[in-house]
Amino acid sequence: MTNNKILYIVIAVLVLVIIGGGLFFFFIYNSAQEETTAGQAPKADEKMVDCRGAEDPFCFISRMDQCLPVTTKMLGSDNKTVIEITVSGIENETCHFQRKINNTLDLDCYFPKGTLNTKTLDQMFGNERGLQKVVDDACTPAGW
């Protein structure tokens, strides 16, 4: 009989420790999560990244494919025309893309999710990829 009482006491203590530990973890962990996310600076993925020219196209393309903020500048084939392309990120459930030529806004585009990729980018530069309707639907030429 004494052994049964000791067994019940041990089981009761274990149950209390497990329940108490679970509640402690739940409340402390949630409180810590709220503190770290409140007033937090933007995540690294949300900050604008300057890929500094076309030396490393993967820098721009990898972020563009995910619609993460990224910008790059390059020279046109005439070595005089400066082309700047920028992805600002997600805005109103679309991916905001801009192209400037010689510091003048040339295209302002809002692509539906998943439609801004290397083929679409190639189409915007005049290389036929069968995506002109996608570009036309998403982009407004400057001055329109």
C-alpha atoms as a PDB file:
ATOM      1  CA  MET A   1       0.000   0.000   0.000  1.00  0.00           C
ATOM      2  CA  THR A   2       2.861   2.373   0.800  1.00  0.00           C
ATOM      3  CA  ASN A   3       4.441   1.590  -2.537  1.00  0.00           C
ATOM      4  CA  ASN A   4       1.199   2.528  -4.319  1.00  0.00           C
ATOM      5  CA  LYS A   5       1.046   5.894  -2.511  1.00  0.00           C
ATOM      6  CA  ILE A   6       4.647   6.664  -3.465  1.00  0.00           C
ATOM      7  CA  LEU A   7       3.947   5.656  -7.076  1.00  0.00           C
ATOM      8  CA  TYR A   8       0.869   7.925  -7.227  1.00  0.00           C
ATOM      9  CA  ILE A   9       2.819  10.822  -5.714  1.00  0.00           C
ATOM     10  CA  VAL A  10       5.661  10.365  -8.215  1.00  0.00           C
ATOM     11  CA  ILE A  11       3.184  10.207 -11.116  1.00  0.00           C
ATOM     12  CA  ALA A  12       1.344  13.304  -9.846  1.00  0.00           C
ATOM     13  CA  VAL A  13       4.602  15.245  -9.498  1.00  0.00           C
ATOM     14  CA  LEU A  14       5.689  14.212 -13.016  1.00  0.00           C
ATOM     15  CA  VAL A  15       2.339  15.250 -14.482  1.00  0.00           C
ATOM     16  CA  LEU A  16       2.543  18.626 -12.733  1.00  0.00           C
ATOM     17  CA  VAL A  17       6.119  19.161 -13.958  1.00  0.00           C
ATOM     18  CA  ILE A  18       5.190  18.273 -17.523  1.00  0.00           C
ATOM     19  CA  ILE A  19       2.075  20.470 -17.528  1.00  0.00           C
ATOM     20  CA  GLY A  20       3.853  23.322 -15.750  1.00  0.00           C
ATOM     21  CA  GLY A  21       6.838  23.081 -18.092  1.00  0.00           C
ATOM     22  CA  GLY A  22       4.564  23.042 -21.134  1.00  0.00           C
ATOM     23  CA  LEU A  23       2.647  26.108 -19.957  1.00  0.00           C
ATOM     24  CA  PHE A  24       5.884  27.907 -19.050  1.00  0.00           C
ATOM     25  CA  PHE A  25       7.390  27.129 -22.463  1.00  0.00           C
ATOM     26  CA  PHE A  26       4.206  28.151 -24.287  1.00  0.00           C
ATOM     27  CA  PHE A  27       3.854  31.530 -22.559  1.00  0.00           C
ATOM     28  CA  ILE A  28       7.558  32.410 -22.391  1.00  0.00           C
ATOM     29  CA  TYR A  29       8.230  31.331 -25.991  1.00  0.00           C
ATOM     30  CA  ASN A  30       5.247  33.281 -27.385  1.00  0.00           C
ATOM     31  CA  SER A  31       6.226  36.342 -25.360  1.00  0.00           C
ATOM     32  CA  ALA A  32       9.802  36.169 -26.666  1.00  0.00           C
ATOM     33  CA  GLN A  33       8.568  35.789 -30.260  1.00  0.00           C
ATOM     34  CA  GLU A  34       6.336  38.867 -29.957  1.00  0.00           C
ATOM     35  CA  GLU A  35       9.205  40.934 -28.538  1.00  0.00           C
ATOM     36  CA  THR A  36      11.572  40.012 -31.370  1.00  0.00           C
ATOM     37  CA  THR A  37       9.063  40.718 -34.164  1.00  0.00           C
ATOM     38  CA  ALA A  38       7.616  43.972 -32.776  1.00  0.00           C
ATOM     39  CA  GLY A  39       9.427  47.000 -34.174  1.00  0.00           C
ATOM     40  CA  GLN A  40      11.960  44.778 -35.885  1.00  0.00           C
ATOM     41  CA  ALA A  41      13.969  46.065 -38.829  1.00  0.00           C
ATOM     42  CA  PRO A  42      13.130  44.581 -42.224  1.00  0.00           C
ATOM     43  CA  LYS A  43      14.448  41.107 -42.881  1.00  0.00           C
ATOM     44  CA  ALA A  44      17.536  40.829 -45.045  1.00  0.00           C
ATOM     45  CA  ASP A  45      15.359  39.626 -47.931  1.00  0.00           C
ATOM     46  CA  GLU A  46      13.209  42.768 -47.713  1.00  0.00           C
ATOM     47  CA  LYS A  47      16.105  45.216 -48.069  1.00  0.00           C
ATOM     48  CA  MET A  48      17.106  46.589 -51.457  1.00  0.00           C
ATOM     49  CA  VAL A  49      20.180  44.853 -52.865  1.00  0.00           C
ATOM     50  CA  ASP A  50      22.341  46.615 -55.445  1.00  0.00           C
ATOM     51  CA  CYS A  51      23.825  44.024 -57.782  1.00  0.00           C
ATOM     52  CA  ARG A  52      26.221  46.625 -59.244  1.00  0.00           C
ATOM     53  CA  GLY A  53      26.087  45.927 -62.928  1.00  0.00           C
ATOM     54  CA  ALA A  54      25.819  42.784 -64.948  1.00  0.00           C
ATOM     55  CA  GLU A  55      29.059  41.158 -63.764  1.00  0.00           C
ATOM     56  CA  ASP A  56      27.071  38.707 -61.640  1.00  0.00           C
ATOM     57  CA  PRO A  57      23.683  38.219 -63.319  1.00  0.00           C
ATOM     58  CA  PHE A  58      22.732  35.553 -60.755  1.00  0.00           C
ATOM     59  CA  CYS A  59      22.658  38.280 -58.068  1.00  0.00           C
ATOM     60  CA  PHE A  60      19.825  40.085 -59.852  1.00  0.00           C
ATOM     61  CA  ILE A  61      18.032  37.090 -61.346  1.00  0.00           C
ATOM     62  CA  SER A  62      17.818  35.104 -58.119  1.00  0.00           C
ATOM     63  CA  ARG A  63      16.166  38.002 -56.290  1.00  0.00           C
ATOM     64  CA  MET A  64      13.974  38.989 -59.257  1.00  0.00           C
ATOM     65  CA  ASP A  65      12.609  35.441 -59.517  1.00  0.00           C
ATOM     66  CA  GLN A  66      11.429  35.746 -55.895  1.00  0.00           C
ATOM     67  CA  CYS A  67      10.271  39.369 -56.319  1.00  0.00           C
ATOM     68  CA  LEU A  68      12.713  40.558 -53.679  1.00  0.00           C
ATOM     69  CA  PRO A  69      13.981  44.170 -53.786  1.00  0.00           C
ATOM     70  CA  VAL A  70      16.945  44.379 -56.147  1.00  0.00           C
ATOM     71  CA  THR A  71      18.486  46.836 -58.563  1.00  0.00           C
ATOM     72  CA  THR A  72      21.251  46.818 -61.148  1.00  0.00           C
ATOM     73  CA  LYS A  73      22.704  49.098 -63.806  1.00  0.00           C
ATOM     74  CA  MET A  74      24.271  48.154 -67.094  1.00  0.00           C
ATOM     75  CA  LEU A  75      25.448  49.756 -70.289  1.00  0.00           C
ATOM     76  CA  GLY A  76      23.634  49.259 -73.565  1.00  0.00           C
ATOM     77  CA  SER A  77      25.394  47.768 -76.568  1.00  0.00           C
ATOM     78  CA  ASP A  78      26.389  51.298 -77.672  1.00  0.00           C
ATOM     79  CA  ASN A  79      28.393  51.699 -74.418  1.00  0.00           C
ATOM     80  CA  LYS A  80      26.580  55.021 -73.818  1.00  0.00           C
ATOM     81  CA  THR A  81      23.055  54.087 -72.787  1.00  0.00           C
ATOM     82  CA  VAL A  82      22.678  53.484 -69.053  1.00  0.00           C
ATOM     83  CA  ILE A  83      19.932  50.988 -68.253  1.00  0.00           C
ATOM     84  CA  GLU A  84      18.761  50.617 -64.665  1.00  0.00           C
ATOM     85  CA  ILE A  85      16.337  47.874 -63.714  1.00  0.00           C
ATOM     86  CA  THR A  86      14.734  47.652 -60.305  1.00  0.00           C
ATOM     87  CA  VAL A  87      12.390  45.242 -58.586  1.00  0.00           C
ATOM     88  CA  SER A  88      10.791  47.038 -55.629  1.00  0.00           C
ATOM     89  CA  GLY A  89       9.150  43.902 -54.219  1.00  0.00           C
ATOM     90  CA  ILE A  90       5.543  42.870 -53.683  1.00  0.00           C
ATOM     91  CA  GLU A  91       3.021  45.706 -53.889  1.00  0.00           C
ATOM     92  CA  ASN A  92      -0.728  45.011 -53.831  1.00  0.00           C
ATOM     93  CA  GLU A  93      -0.153  41.317 -54.552  1.00  0.00           C
ATOM     94  CA  THR A  94       1.934  42.140 -57.654  1.00  0.00           C
ATOM     95  CA  CYS A  95       5.665  42.354 -58.315  1.00  0.00           C
ATOM     96  CA  HIS A  96       6.696  45.976 -58.992  1.00  0.00           C
ATOM     97  CA  PHE A  97       9.356  46.313 -61.711  1.00  0.00           C
ATOM     98  CA  GLN A  98      10.811  49.484 -63.222  1.00  0.00           C
ATOM     99  CA  ARG A  99      13.219  50.156 -66.056  1.00  0.00           C
ATOM    100  CA  LYS A 100      15.023  53.472 -66.503  1.00  0.00           C
ATOM    101  CA  ILE A 101      17.045  54.409 -69.546  1.00  0.00           C
ATOM    102  CA  ASN A 102      19.512  57.260 -69.027  1.00  0.00           C
ATOM    103  CA  ASN A 103      17.801  58.095 -65.703  1.00  0.00           C
ATOM    104  CA  THR A 104      14.366  58.426 -67.341  1.00  0.00           C
ATOM    105  CA  LEU A 105      11.608  56.017 -66.341  1.00  0.00           C
ATOM    106  CA  ASP A 106      10.895  53.887 -69.396  1.00  0.00           C
ATOM    107  CA  LEU A 107       8.657  51.094 -68.028  1.00  0.00           C
ATOM    108  CA  ASP A 108       6.628  50.801 -64.843  1.00  0.00           C
ATOM    109  CA  CYS A 109       5.270  47.284 -64.421  1.00  0.00           C
ATOM    110  CA  TYR A 110       3.148  45.353 -61.935  1.00  0.00           C
ATOM    111  CA  PHE A 111       3.474  41.658 -62.737  1.00  0.00           C
ATOM    112  CA  PRO A 112       1.126  39.066 -61.262  1.00  0.00           C
ATOM    113  CA  LYS A 113       2.977  36.680 -58.954  1.00  0.00           C
ATOM    114  CA  GLY A 114       5.069  34.158 -60.819  1.00  0.00           C
ATOM    115  CA  THR A 115       5.121  35.972 -64.167  1.00  0.00           C
ATOM    116  CA  LEU A 116       8.313  38.006 -63.708  1.00  0.00           C
ATOM    117  CA  ASN A 117      11.210  35.767 -64.683  1.00  0.00           C
ATOM    118  CA  THR A 118      14.181  35.700 -67.057  1.00  0.00           C
ATOM    119  CA  LYS A 119      11.991  35.045 -70.112  1.00  0.00           C
ATOM    120  CA  THR A 120       9.745  37.986 -69.265  1.00  0.00           C
ATOM    121  CA  LEU A 121      12.795  40.182 -68.671  1.00  0.00           C
ATOM    122  CA  ASP A 122      14.197  39.081 -72.026  1.00  0.00           C
ATOM    123  CA  GLN A 123      10.863  39.938 -73.685  1.00  0.00           C
ATOM    124  CA  MET A 124      10.981  43.455 -72.161  1.00  0.00           C
ATOM    125  CA  PHE A 125      14.342  43.971 -73.856  1.00  0.00           C
ATOM    126  CA  GLY A 126      12.892  43.112 -77.276  1.00  0.00           C
ATOM    127  CA  ASN A 127      13.821  39.451 -77.507  1.00  0.00           C
ATOM    128  CA  GLU A 128      10.751  37.493 -78.577  1.00  0.00           C
ATOM    129  CA  ARG A 129       9.806  34.865 -75.980  1.00  0.00           C
ATOM    130  CA  GLY A 130       6.071  34.703 -76.655  1.00  0.00           C
ATOM    131  CA  LEU A 131       5.319  36.807 -73.575  1.00  0.00           C
ATOM    132  CA  GLN A 132       4.462  40.172 -75.127  1.00  0.00           C
ATOM    133  CA  LYS A 133       0.864  40.007 -73.830  1.00  0.00           C
ATOM    134  CA  VAL A 134       2.157  39.386 -70.293  1.00  0.00           C
ATOM    135  CA  VAL A 135       4.434  42.420 -70.602  1.00  0.00           C
ATOM    136  CA  ASP A 136       1.728  44.572 -72.200  1.00  0.00           C
ATOM    137  CA  ASP A 137      -0.784  43.671 -69.467  1.00  0.00           C
ATOM    138  CA  ALA A 138       1.685  44.377 -66.657  1.00  0.00           C
ATOM    139  CA  CYS A 139       3.597  47.418 -67.941  1.00  0.00           C
ATOM    140  CA  THR A 140       2.787  51.012 -68.599  1.00  0.00           C
ATOM    141  CA  PRO A 141       5.300  52.845 -70.765  1.00  0.00           C
ATOM    142  CA  ALA A 142       6.420  56.152 -69.264  1.00  0.00           C
ATOM    143  CA  GLY A 143       4.238  59.067 -70.262  1.00  0.00           C
ATOM    144  CA  TRP A 144       1.013  57.040 -70.687  1.00  0.00           C
END
